[in-house]
N, C-alpha and C. Protein backbone atom coordinates (compact mmCIF):
# COMPACT_ATOMS: atom_id res chain seq x y z
N GLN A 1 217.66 251.39 201.30
CA GLN A 1 217.63 251.91 202.75
C GLN A 1 216.42 250.84 203.53
N GLN A 2 216.12 251.54 204.51
CA GLN A 2 215.40 250.97 205.48
C GLN A 2 215.72 250.90 206.94
N ILE A 3 214.00 251.44 207.59
CA ILE A 3 214.28 251.35 209.02
C ILE A 3 212.94 250.90 210.09
N SER A 4 213.94 249.73 210.60
CA SER A 4 212.78 249.50 211.40
C SER A 4 212.32 249.79 212.56
N LYS A 5 211.23 249.54 213.46
CA LYS A 5 210.54 249.60 215.16
C LYS A 5 210.71 249.07 215.47
N ASP A 6 211.33 247.97 215.42
CA ASP A 6 211.64 247.01 216.57
C ASP A 6 213.08 246.80 216.28
N ARG A 7 213.68 246.69 217.60
CA ARG A 7 215.64 246.54 217.49
C ARG A 7 216.19 245.59 216.86
N ASP A 8 215.16 244.01 217.01
CA ASP A 8 216.34 243.47 215.96
C ASP A 8 215.74 242.55 215.14
N PHE A 9 213.66 243.27 214.50
CA PHE A 9 213.60 242.82 213.43
C PHE A 9 212.93 243.39 212.97
N CYS A 10 213.02 243.59 211.45
CA CYS A 10 212.52 244.18 210.41
C CYS A 10 211.06 243.85 209.98
N GLY A 11 210.04 244.25 209.65
CA GLY A 11 208.78 243.66 209.15
C GLY A 11 208.62 243.05 207.78
N ASP A 12 209.53 243.99 207.25
CA ASP A 12 209.58 244.49 205.20
C ASP A 12 210.96 243.42 205.13
N SER A 13 210.90 242.57 204.28
CA SER A 13 211.97 241.53 203.65
C SER A 13 212.01 242.26 201.43
N PHE A 14 213.11 242.10 201.77
CA PHE A 14 213.47 242.11 200.01
C PHE A 14 214.52 241.46 199.40
N LEU A 15 214.28 241.05 198.57
CA LEU A 15 215.28 240.41 197.62
C LEU A 15 215.88 241.13 196.43
N ASN A 16 217.29 240.38 195.87
CA ASN A 16 217.09 240.93 194.45
C ASN A 16 217.84 239.84 193.53
N PHE A 17 217.51 239.44 192.50
CA PHE A 17 218.03 237.66 192.21
C PHE A 17 218.00 237.89 189.99
N GLN A 18 218.48 237.02 189.59
CA GLN A 18 218.75 236.89 188.37
C GLN A 18 218.24 236.02 187.83
N TYR A 19 217.19 236.18 186.82
CA TYR A 19 216.45 234.17 186.20
C TYR A 19 216.63 234.57 184.96
N HIS A 20 217.69 234.29 184.02
CA HIS A 20 217.87 234.26 182.26
C HIS A 20 217.75 235.80 182.51
N SER A 21 216.80 236.39 181.63
CA SER A 21 216.86 237.66 180.86
C SER A 21 216.34 239.04 181.83
N LYS A 22 216.18 238.38 182.98
CA LYS A 22 214.67 239.54 183.88
C LYS A 22 215.57 239.32 185.30
N ASN A 23 215.79 240.43 185.32
CA ASN A 23 216.03 240.88 186.96
C ASN A 23 214.97 241.35 187.76
N ILE A 24 215.33 240.41 188.94
CA ILE A 24 214.19 240.33 189.62
C ILE A 24 213.85 240.74 190.40
N ILE A 25 213.34 242.26 191.54
CA ILE A 25 213.86 242.86 193.00
C ILE A 25 212.10 242.66 193.52
N ALA A 26 212.01 241.78 194.95
CA ALA A 26 210.44 241.59 195.10
C ALA A 26 210.92 242.34 196.80
N LEU A 27 209.99 242.82 197.18
CA LEU A 27 209.02 243.46 198.35
C LEU A 27 208.17 243.26 199.24
N SER A 28 208.69 242.53 200.24
CA SER A 28 207.45 242.50 200.76
C SER A 28 206.79 242.82 202.95
N ASP A 29 205.95 243.44 202.49
CA ASP A 29 205.76 243.86 204.09
C ASP A 29 204.74 242.93 204.71
N GLY A 30 205.17 242.21 205.84
CA GLY A 30 204.70 241.65 207.16
C GLY A 30 203.86 242.31 207.89
N MET A 31 202.61 241.79 208.39
CA MET A 31 201.49 242.51 208.44
C MET A 31 202.45 242.95 210.34
N GLY A 32 201.96 243.93 210.65
CA GLY A 32 202.45 244.84 211.96
C GLY A 32 204.10 245.24 212.01
N PHE A 33 204.81 244.57 212.95
CA PHE A 33 206.17 244.57 213.20
C PHE A 33 207.15 243.42 213.64
N GLY A 34 208.15 243.32 214.32
CA GLY A 34 208.62 242.38 215.05
C GLY A 34 208.95 241.33 214.15
N LYS A 35 209.14 240.14 215.16
CA LYS A 35 209.55 238.80 214.54
C LYS A 35 208.75 238.07 213.64
N LYS A 36 207.55 238.18 213.94
CA LYS A 36 206.51 237.77 213.49
C LYS A 36 206.23 238.11 211.50
N ALA A 37 205.98 239.14 211.59
CA ALA A 37 205.98 240.44 210.67
C ALA A 37 206.95 239.97 209.59
N HIS A 38 208.88 239.51 210.31
CA HIS A 38 209.67 238.98 209.49
C HIS A 38 209.66 238.02 209.10
N GLU A 39 208.76 237.21 210.07
CA GLU A 39 209.30 236.19 209.38
C GLU A 39 208.03 235.63 208.39
N GLU A 40 206.93 236.44 208.03
CA GLU A 40 206.12 236.21 207.06
C GLU A 40 206.99 236.56 206.05
N SER A 41 207.14 237.61 206.39
CA SER A 41 207.62 238.90 204.59
C SER A 41 208.55 237.77 203.92
N GLU A 42 209.85 237.04 204.99
CA GLU A 42 210.94 236.47 204.97
C GLU A 42 210.14 235.23 204.15
N LEU A 43 209.63 234.78 204.53
CA LEU A 43 208.92 233.31 203.62
C LEU A 43 208.69 233.57 203.12
N THR A 44 207.28 234.40 202.62
CA THR A 44 206.80 235.05 201.30
C THR A 44 208.28 234.72 200.25
N LEU A 45 209.16 235.96 200.44
CA LEU A 45 210.08 236.22 199.40
C LEU A 45 210.68 234.89 199.04
N ASP A 46 210.90 234.11 200.02
CA ASP A 46 211.85 233.04 199.78
C ASP A 46 211.07 231.80 199.12
N VAL A 47 209.85 231.56 199.32
CA VAL A 47 208.89 230.75 198.73
C VAL A 47 209.15 231.45 196.96
N PHE A 48 208.56 232.27 196.81
CA PHE A 48 208.51 232.67 196.32
C PHE A 48 209.88 233.37 194.45
N SER A 49 211.16 233.42 195.47
CA SER A 49 212.63 232.96 194.57
C SER A 49 212.39 231.24 194.28
N ARG A 50 212.59 230.51 195.26
CA ARG A 50 212.70 229.14 195.08
C ARG A 50 211.47 228.98 193.56
N MET A 51 210.49 229.03 193.60
CA MET A 51 209.40 228.69 192.60
C MET A 51 209.81 229.19 190.98
N VAL A 52 210.12 230.67 191.06
CA VAL A 52 210.60 231.42 190.03
C VAL A 52 211.78 230.77 189.41
N LYS A 53 212.72 230.63 190.03
CA LYS A 53 213.52 229.63 189.87
C LYS A 53 213.80 228.16 188.77
N SER A 54 212.29 227.41 190.11
CA SER A 54 212.13 226.35 189.48
C SER A 54 211.52 226.55 188.09
N GLY A 55 211.29 228.24 187.65
CA GLY A 55 210.45 227.61 185.76
C GLY A 55 208.89 227.37 186.28
N ILE A 56 208.48 228.56 187.21
CA ILE A 56 207.12 227.41 187.49
C ILE A 56 206.64 229.95 187.28
N GLN A 57 205.42 229.90 186.59
CA GLN A 57 204.25 230.98 186.14
C GLN A 57 204.57 231.53 187.62
N LEU A 58 204.94 233.13 187.09
CA LEU A 58 204.81 234.49 187.57
C LEU A 58 203.43 233.86 188.85
N ASP A 59 202.18 233.52 188.07
CA ASP A 59 200.73 233.95 188.48
C ASP A 59 200.81 232.85 189.35
N ASP A 60 200.95 232.27 188.86
CA ASP A 60 200.58 230.04 189.66
C ASP A 60 202.45 230.21 190.77
N CYS A 61 202.68 231.09 191.00
CA CYS A 61 203.64 231.73 191.94
C CYS A 61 203.41 232.02 192.80
N ILE A 62 202.40 233.44 192.56
CA ILE A 62 201.31 234.50 193.77
C ILE A 62 200.29 233.33 194.01
N GLN A 63 199.42 232.59 193.77
CA GLN A 63 198.41 231.89 193.50
C GLN A 63 198.63 231.05 194.85
N THR A 64 200.23 229.89 194.62
CA THR A 64 200.37 229.02 195.65
C THR A 64 200.90 230.30 196.95
N ILE A 65 201.60 230.69 196.71
CA ILE A 65 201.87 231.48 198.23
C ILE A 65 200.84 231.99 198.83
N ASN A 66 199.69 232.82 198.07
CA ASN A 66 198.65 233.10 198.77
C ASN A 66 198.00 231.51 199.48
N ALA A 67 197.89 230.50 199.09
CA ALA A 67 197.30 229.10 199.63
C ALA A 67 197.71 228.96 200.55
N LEU A 68 199.25 228.88 200.65
CA LEU A 68 200.31 228.57 202.09
C LEU A 68 199.74 228.92 203.06
N LEU A 69 199.91 231.02 202.80
CA LEU A 69 200.06 231.44 203.87
C LEU A 69 197.91 231.15 204.08
N ARG A 70 197.11 230.87 203.85
CA ARG A 70 195.78 230.67 203.95
C ARG A 70 196.27 229.68 205.37
N ILE A 71 196.51 228.52 204.82
CA ILE A 71 196.73 227.02 205.64
C ILE A 71 197.91 227.32 207.01
N LYS A 72 199.12 227.94 206.78
CA LYS A 72 199.35 228.12 207.28
C LYS A 72 199.29 229.14 209.18
N ASN A 73 198.41 230.54 208.01
CA ASN A 73 197.76 231.26 209.32
C ASN A 73 196.36 231.32 209.38
N ARG A 74 195.98 230.90 210.88
CA ARG A 74 194.94 230.57 211.63
C ARG A 74 194.63 231.57 211.78
N VAL A 75 195.17 232.71 212.47
CA VAL A 75 194.60 234.18 212.65
C VAL A 75 195.47 234.48 211.20
N ASP A 76 194.21 236.49 211.94
CA ASP A 76 194.74 236.75 210.42
C ASP A 76 195.82 237.50 210.28
N MET A 77 196.68 236.87 209.61
CA MET A 77 198.34 237.75 209.17
C MET A 77 198.37 237.54 207.69
N PHE A 78 199.29 238.59 206.91
CA PHE A 78 198.90 238.40 205.79
C PHE A 78 200.26 239.27 205.48
N THR A 79 200.51 238.92 203.81
CA THR A 79 201.92 240.19 203.65
C THR A 79 201.34 240.63 202.69
N THR A 80 202.22 241.75 202.29
CA THR A 80 202.35 242.27 200.65
C THR A 80 203.00 242.12 199.79
N LEU A 81 202.65 241.79 198.59
CA LEU A 81 203.85 241.44 197.89
C LEU A 81 204.09 242.21 196.46
N ASP A 82 205.24 243.00 196.48
CA ASP A 82 205.36 243.86 195.22
C ASP A 82 206.71 243.40 194.46
N ILE A 83 206.30 243.28 193.41
CA ILE A 83 207.91 242.52 191.95
C ILE A 83 208.24 243.07 191.36
N LEU A 84 208.47 244.13 191.03
CA LEU A 84 209.43 244.45 189.81
C LEU A 84 210.38 243.39 189.08
N MET A 85 209.53 242.96 187.64
CA MET A 85 210.98 242.29 186.85
C MET A 85 210.85 243.01 185.69
N PHE A 86 212.45 243.11 185.69
CA PHE A 86 212.74 244.21 184.99
C PHE A 86 213.60 243.01 183.57
N ASP A 87 212.78 243.16 182.65
CA ASP A 87 213.76 242.67 181.23
C ASP A 87 214.73 243.31 180.43
N THR A 88 215.99 242.76 181.00
CA THR A 88 217.05 243.18 180.34
C THR A 88 217.24 243.65 178.45
N SER A 89 216.70 242.48 178.16
CA SER A 89 216.42 242.41 176.78
C SER A 89 215.63 243.23 176.09
N ILE A 90 214.28 243.83 176.52
CA ILE A 90 214.06 244.35 175.51
C ILE A 90 213.45 245.42 176.48
N GLY A 91 214.15 245.89 177.75
CA GLY A 91 213.95 247.06 178.08
C GLY A 91 212.78 247.53 178.96
N GLU A 92 211.65 246.17 178.89
CA GLU A 92 210.24 246.44 179.11
C GLU A 92 210.86 246.16 181.06
N ALA A 93 209.78 247.06 182.04
CA ALA A 93 209.43 246.18 183.65
C ALA A 93 207.69 245.92 183.55
N THR A 94 208.12 244.30 184.24
CA THR A 94 206.48 244.11 184.53
C THR A 94 205.99 244.84 186.64
N PHE A 95 205.67 245.44 186.59
CA PHE A 95 205.25 245.93 187.72
C PHE A 95 204.25 244.59 188.50
N ILE A 96 203.78 243.72 189.35
CA ILE A 96 203.07 242.66 189.98
C ILE A 96 202.55 243.11 191.45
N LYS A 97 202.21 243.87 191.82
CA LYS A 97 201.47 244.29 193.34
C LYS A 97 200.37 243.42 193.64
N ASN A 98 200.13 243.35 194.95
CA ASN A 98 198.84 242.17 195.82
C ASN A 98 199.44 243.13 196.91
N GLY A 99 197.99 244.26 197.58
CA GLY A 99 198.66 244.48 198.54
C GLY A 99 199.52 246.02 198.37
N ALA A 100 200.58 245.69 197.97
CA ALA A 100 201.55 246.80 198.16
C ALA A 100 201.28 248.63 197.42
N MET A 101 201.94 249.08 198.26
CA MET A 101 202.09 250.41 197.99
C MET A 101 202.42 250.85 196.41
N PRO A 102 202.18 252.55 196.37
CA PRO A 102 202.46 252.80 194.35
C PRO A 102 204.67 252.63 194.64
N SER A 103 203.76 252.34 193.44
CA SER A 103 205.81 252.49 192.42
C SER A 103 205.35 253.44 191.83
N TYR A 104 207.14 253.91 191.74
CA TYR A 104 206.72 255.17 190.96
C TYR A 104 208.01 255.09 189.86
N ILE A 105 207.97 255.51 188.66
CA ILE A 105 208.42 255.78 187.64
C ILE A 105 209.07 257.23 187.81
N TYR A 106 210.19 258.47 187.60
CA TYR A 106 210.76 259.43 187.43
C TYR A 106 211.52 259.57 186.15
N ARG A 107 210.86 260.06 185.79
CA ARG A 107 211.11 260.52 184.16
C ARG A 107 210.82 261.93 183.73
N ASN A 108 211.53 262.97 183.65
CA ASN A 108 211.80 264.02 182.44
C ASN A 108 211.13 265.10 183.22
N ASN A 109 211.85 265.06 185.01
CA ASN A 109 211.34 265.53 185.73
C ASN A 109 209.52 265.55 185.99
N GLU A 110 209.22 264.36 185.58
CA GLU A 110 207.86 264.16 186.25
C GLU A 110 207.71 262.36 186.86
N LEU A 111 206.90 262.58 187.85
CA LEU A 111 206.95 261.60 188.71
C LEU A 111 205.31 260.53 188.18
N ILE A 112 205.45 259.29 187.56
CA ILE A 112 204.87 258.88 187.18
C ILE A 112 204.03 257.65 188.40
N PRO A 113 202.73 257.32 189.09
CA PRO A 113 202.82 256.52 190.59
C PRO A 113 202.16 255.19 189.55
N ILE A 114 202.49 254.43 189.42
CA ILE A 114 201.95 253.14 189.99
C ILE A 114 200.56 252.01 190.00
N LYS A 115 199.38 253.11 190.77
CA LYS A 115 198.84 252.22 192.19
C LYS A 115 198.32 251.41 192.00
N PRO A 116 198.13 250.27 192.34
CA PRO A 116 196.83 248.97 192.07
C PRO A 116 196.09 248.99 193.35
N ASP A 117 195.32 248.30 193.05
CA ASP A 117 193.97 247.93 194.28
C ASP A 117 193.52 246.75 194.77
N THR A 118 194.50 246.00 195.10
CA THR A 118 194.35 244.68 195.37
C THR A 118 194.66 244.62 196.81
N LEU A 119 194.05 243.21 197.12
CA LEU A 119 193.83 242.84 197.95
C LEU A 119 196.00 242.56 198.58
N PRO A 120 196.33 242.42 200.35
CA PRO A 120 197.63 241.48 200.63
C PRO A 120 196.95 239.81 200.28
N ILE A 121 198.60 238.87 200.35
CA ILE A 121 198.50 238.42 199.66
C ILE A 121 198.61 236.82 201.77
N GLY A 122 197.07 236.36 201.56
CA GLY A 122 197.21 235.33 202.92
C GLY A 122 195.61 235.76 202.74
N ILE A 123 194.91 236.94 202.81
CA ILE A 123 193.47 237.06 202.74
C ILE A 123 192.41 236.33 202.31
N VAL A 124 192.41 236.17 200.89
CA VAL A 124 191.34 235.70 200.57
C VAL A 124 191.71 234.20 199.25
N ASP A 125 190.86 233.11 199.41
CA ASP A 125 191.42 231.86 198.42
C ASP A 125 191.76 232.15 197.34
N GLU A 126 191.30 233.07 196.49
CA GLU A 126 191.30 233.44 194.93
C GLU A 126 191.98 234.82 194.80
N LEU A 127 193.50 235.10 194.45
CA LEU A 127 193.80 236.08 194.67
C LEU A 127 193.51 237.00 193.27
N GLN A 128 193.53 238.24 193.43
CA GLN A 128 193.38 238.98 191.92
C GLN A 128 194.94 239.98 191.90
N VAL A 129 195.32 239.10 190.81
CA VAL A 129 197.17 239.79 190.82
C VAL A 129 196.62 241.25 189.92
N TYR A 130 197.26 242.37 190.32
CA TYR A 130 197.88 243.54 189.29
C TYR A 130 199.26 243.51 188.71
N LYS A 131 199.16 242.73 187.52
CA LYS A 131 200.43 243.42 186.52
C LYS A 131 200.29 244.18 185.68
N LYS A 132 201.07 245.19 185.57
CA LYS A 132 201.77 246.05 184.37
C LYS A 132 202.77 246.18 183.73
N THR A 133 202.61 246.40 182.49
CA THR A 133 204.65 246.56 181.66
C THR A 133 204.12 247.82 181.27
N ILE A 134 205.33 248.47 181.48
CA ILE A 134 206.05 249.26 181.38
C ILE A 134 207.36 249.28 180.61
N PRO A 135 207.30 250.24 179.29
CA PRO A 135 208.84 249.94 178.92
C PRO A 135 209.60 251.23 179.42
N LEU A 136 211.14 250.72 180.34
CA LEU A 136 211.63 252.03 180.79
C LEU A 136 212.73 252.43 179.99
N TYR A 137 213.10 253.51 179.94
CA TYR A 137 214.75 254.23 179.23
C TYR A 137 215.31 254.46 180.16
N GLU A 138 216.53 255.12 179.58
CA GLU A 138 217.99 254.84 180.14
C GLU A 138 217.82 256.22 180.96
N ASP A 139 218.33 256.41 182.39
CA ASP A 139 218.16 257.41 183.26
C ASP A 139 216.86 257.79 183.81
N ASP A 140 215.92 257.02 183.66
CA ASP A 140 214.57 256.50 184.57
C ASP A 140 215.05 256.79 186.11
N TYR A 141 214.86 256.74 186.84
CA TYR A 141 214.21 256.15 188.20
C TYR A 141 213.46 255.69 188.52
N VAL A 142 213.03 254.16 189.32
CA VAL A 142 212.01 253.72 189.76
C VAL A 142 212.39 253.16 191.46
N ILE A 143 211.14 254.13 192.19
CA ILE A 143 211.03 254.10 193.16
C ILE A 143 209.88 253.07 193.63
N MET A 144 210.57 251.84 195.06
CA MET A 144 209.30 251.23 195.47
C MET A 144 209.50 251.49 196.97
N CYS A 145 208.01 251.17 197.54
CA CYS A 145 208.45 251.16 198.88
C CYS A 145 207.20 250.25 199.69
N SER A 146 207.75 250.77 201.05
CA SER A 146 206.83 249.97 201.76
C SER A 146 205.93 250.55 202.69
N ASP A 147 204.49 250.29 203.38
CA ASP A 147 203.83 251.27 203.42
C ASP A 147 204.13 251.92 204.95
N GLY A 148 204.92 252.48 205.71
CA GLY A 148 206.04 252.55 206.92
C GLY A 148 205.82 254.53 206.21
N PHE A 149 205.55 255.16 205.64
CA PHE A 149 205.53 256.09 205.18
C PHE A 149 203.70 256.75 205.30
N ASP A 150 204.04 257.80 205.72
CA ASP A 150 202.67 259.00 205.84
C ASP A 150 202.96 259.55 204.47
N GLU A 151 201.14 259.90 204.05
CA GLU A 151 201.29 261.24 203.41
C GLU A 151 202.36 262.10 203.24
N GLY A 152 202.88 262.30 201.95
CA GLY A 152 203.96 263.46 201.51
C GLY A 152 205.01 262.41 200.91
N PHE A 153 205.03 261.39 200.56
CA PHE A 153 205.93 260.50 200.18
C PHE A 153 206.29 261.32 198.77
N GLU A 154 205.08 260.96 198.00
CA GLU A 154 205.29 261.99 196.52
C GLU A 154 206.29 263.24 196.68
N ASP A 155 205.30 263.95 197.30
CA ASP A 155 205.95 265.46 197.17
C ASP A 155 208.05 265.39 197.70
N VAL A 156 207.89 264.50 198.68
CA VAL A 156 209.30 264.48 199.05
C VAL A 156 210.24 263.38 198.50
N ALA A 157 210.00 262.32 197.23
CA ALA A 157 210.62 261.45 196.48
C ALA A 157 210.66 262.80 195.07
N LYS A 158 209.96 262.91 194.40
CA LYS A 158 210.45 264.53 194.00
C LYS A 158 210.61 265.69 194.43
N GLY A 159 210.95 265.97 195.11
CA GLY A 159 211.75 266.64 195.37
C GLY A 159 213.52 266.52 195.52
N VAL A 160 213.38 265.38 196.11
CA VAL A 160 214.71 265.45 196.32
C VAL A 160 215.73 264.43 194.39
N LEU A 161 214.72 263.81 193.53
CA LEU A 161 214.29 263.19 192.80
C LEU A 161 215.19 265.15 191.50
N SER A 162 214.28 265.77 191.70
CA SER A 162 214.29 267.36 191.31
C SER A 162 215.73 268.29 191.42
N GLU A 163 216.17 267.73 192.52
CA GLU A 163 217.53 268.69 193.02
C GLU A 163 218.65 267.32 192.68
N HIS A 164 219.06 265.88 192.55
CA HIS A 164 219.87 265.16 192.49
C HIS A 164 219.46 264.38 191.45
N THR A 165 219.26 264.43 189.99
CA THR A 165 218.73 264.23 188.97
C THR A 165 219.97 263.29 188.71
N SER A 166 221.64 263.59 189.02
CA SER A 166 222.38 262.40 188.28
C SER A 166 222.92 261.94 189.11
N GLN A 167 222.12 262.18 190.51
CA GLN A 167 223.09 260.65 191.69
C GLN A 167 222.63 259.47 191.44
N VAL A 168 223.66 258.61 191.96
CA VAL A 168 223.26 257.44 192.53
C VAL A 168 222.08 257.01 192.76
N PRO A 169 221.37 255.76 193.06
CA PRO A 169 220.06 255.34 193.68
C PRO A 169 220.47 255.33 194.91
N GLN A 170 221.38 254.75 195.58
CA GLN A 170 221.99 254.43 197.25
C GLN A 170 221.53 256.21 197.73
N PHE A 171 222.26 256.68 197.00
CA PHE A 171 221.91 258.57 197.12
C PHE A 171 220.87 258.48 196.97
N ILE A 172 220.40 258.86 196.38
CA ILE A 172 218.57 258.92 196.24
C ILE A 172 217.98 258.70 197.68
N GLY A 173 217.98 257.01 197.82
CA GLY A 173 217.26 256.70 199.12
C GLY A 173 217.29 256.93 200.43
N ASP A 174 218.38 257.34 200.32
CA ASP A 174 219.10 258.18 201.54
C ASP A 174 218.26 259.06 201.62
N GLU A 175 218.11 260.01 200.72
CA GLU A 175 218.24 261.69 200.99
C GLU A 175 216.28 261.65 201.12
N ILE A 176 216.09 260.45 200.43
CA ILE A 176 214.02 260.80 200.70
C ILE A 176 213.76 259.79 202.19
N LEU A 177 214.72 259.24 202.75
CA LEU A 177 213.97 258.65 203.70
C LEU A 177 215.03 259.59 204.99
N LYS A 178 215.67 260.24 204.88
CA LYS A 178 216.52 261.41 205.56
C LYS A 178 215.18 262.20 205.63
N GLU A 179 214.68 262.64 204.43
CA GLU A 179 213.36 263.72 204.67
C GLU A 179 212.30 263.14 205.15
N MET A 180 212.03 262.06 204.90
CA MET A 180 210.52 261.54 205.56
C MET A 180 210.91 261.60 207.11
N MET A 181 212.14 261.09 207.62
CA MET A 181 211.95 261.43 208.96
C MET A 181 212.41 262.77 209.83
N ALA A 182 213.05 263.68 208.77
CA ALA A 182 213.09 265.19 209.59
C ALA A 182 211.76 265.18 209.57
N SER A 183 210.29 264.88 208.90
CA SER A 183 209.48 265.48 208.68
C SER A 183 208.17 264.96 209.50
N GLU A 184 209.05 263.70 210.27
CA GLU A 184 208.22 262.81 210.94
C GLU A 184 206.82 262.33 210.54
N LEU A 185 207.13 261.90 209.23
CA LEU A 185 206.12 261.09 207.99
C LEU A 185 206.60 259.34 208.09
N VAL A 186 207.64 258.85 209.09
CA VAL A 186 207.92 257.61 209.50
C VAL A 186 207.20 256.44 210.38
N ASP A 187 206.19 256.74 209.95
CA ASP A 187 205.29 255.34 211.20
C ASP A 187 205.36 254.31 212.01
N ASP A 188 206.59 253.41 210.83
CA ASP A 188 206.33 252.02 211.09
C ASP A 188 207.77 251.38 210.51
N ASP A 189 207.66 249.89 210.13
CA ASP A 189 208.51 249.80 209.38
C ASP A 189 208.79 249.68 208.13
N ALA A 190 209.82 250.57 207.54
CA ALA A 190 210.04 250.87 206.24
C ALA A 190 211.01 251.02 205.51
N THR A 191 210.43 250.53 203.81
CA THR A 191 211.75 250.24 203.71
C THR A 191 211.67 251.19 201.69
N ILE A 192 212.95 252.15 201.11
CA ILE A 192 213.23 252.03 199.58
C ILE A 192 213.46 251.66 198.85
N ILE A 193 213.00 251.03 197.58
CA ILE A 193 214.19 250.89 197.16
C ILE A 193 214.25 251.68 195.97
N VAL A 194 215.63 251.68 195.08
CA VAL A 194 215.46 253.08 194.34
C VAL A 194 216.32 252.37 193.07
N LEU A 195 215.87 252.42 192.18
CA LEU A 195 216.65 251.62 191.29
C LEU A 195 216.89 252.76 189.73
N LYS A 196 218.33 252.76 188.85
CA LYS A 196 217.99 253.88 187.45
C LYS A 196 218.54 252.90 186.12
N MET A 197 218.09 253.28 185.41
CA MET A 197 217.60 252.68 184.76
C MET A 197 219.26 253.08 183.34
N ARG A 198 220.19 252.25 183.67
CA ARG A 198 221.34 252.38 182.73
C ARG A 198 221.95 251.12 181.71
N LYS A 199 222.23 251.96 180.10
CA LYS A 199 222.48 250.72 178.77
C LYS A 199 224.22 250.69 179.04
N VAL A 200 224.22 248.62 179.46
CA VAL A 200 225.26 248.46 179.18
C VAL A 200 225.80 247.60 178.55
């Protein structure tokens, strides 16, 4: 689910693609809002997906995108990069974050935050990449979001999930955004991605 400050362009971009046994979901938030922010986040994800599909290692992909943005942007422009790489063969999720908001795993009525402390892409020459691998289990929810939400997101998300534990991810995302907007806790372009783990 997504909401935009600008009528024509959202500064957040996201994509989902498969590479071998891995399902990869990526979210990028361009600085500010409007067309320029949209172009920066879209470029980041386009280059990222092309490099991954070419077989380039993730760390090398991220460092290359960082170098590209450093060269391209002579002014202070940067993007976040928030990646969830889920390996369907072993049930493990790898979270990779640069300048991104926390992600959350909801399991057994507990909201588990994954909180990095890293810089966005395009600011420094040598980027420190945050990476954490966690096993996921059936009926786990995973939430990714951009920085358009004010404080209070965790409380709203936990409240919605605790009331609707059997609902599909789209419903959960809709309800969280609806409650955040009703409480006036959205102040920028905002994107929320909700996943639910199922065995197939």
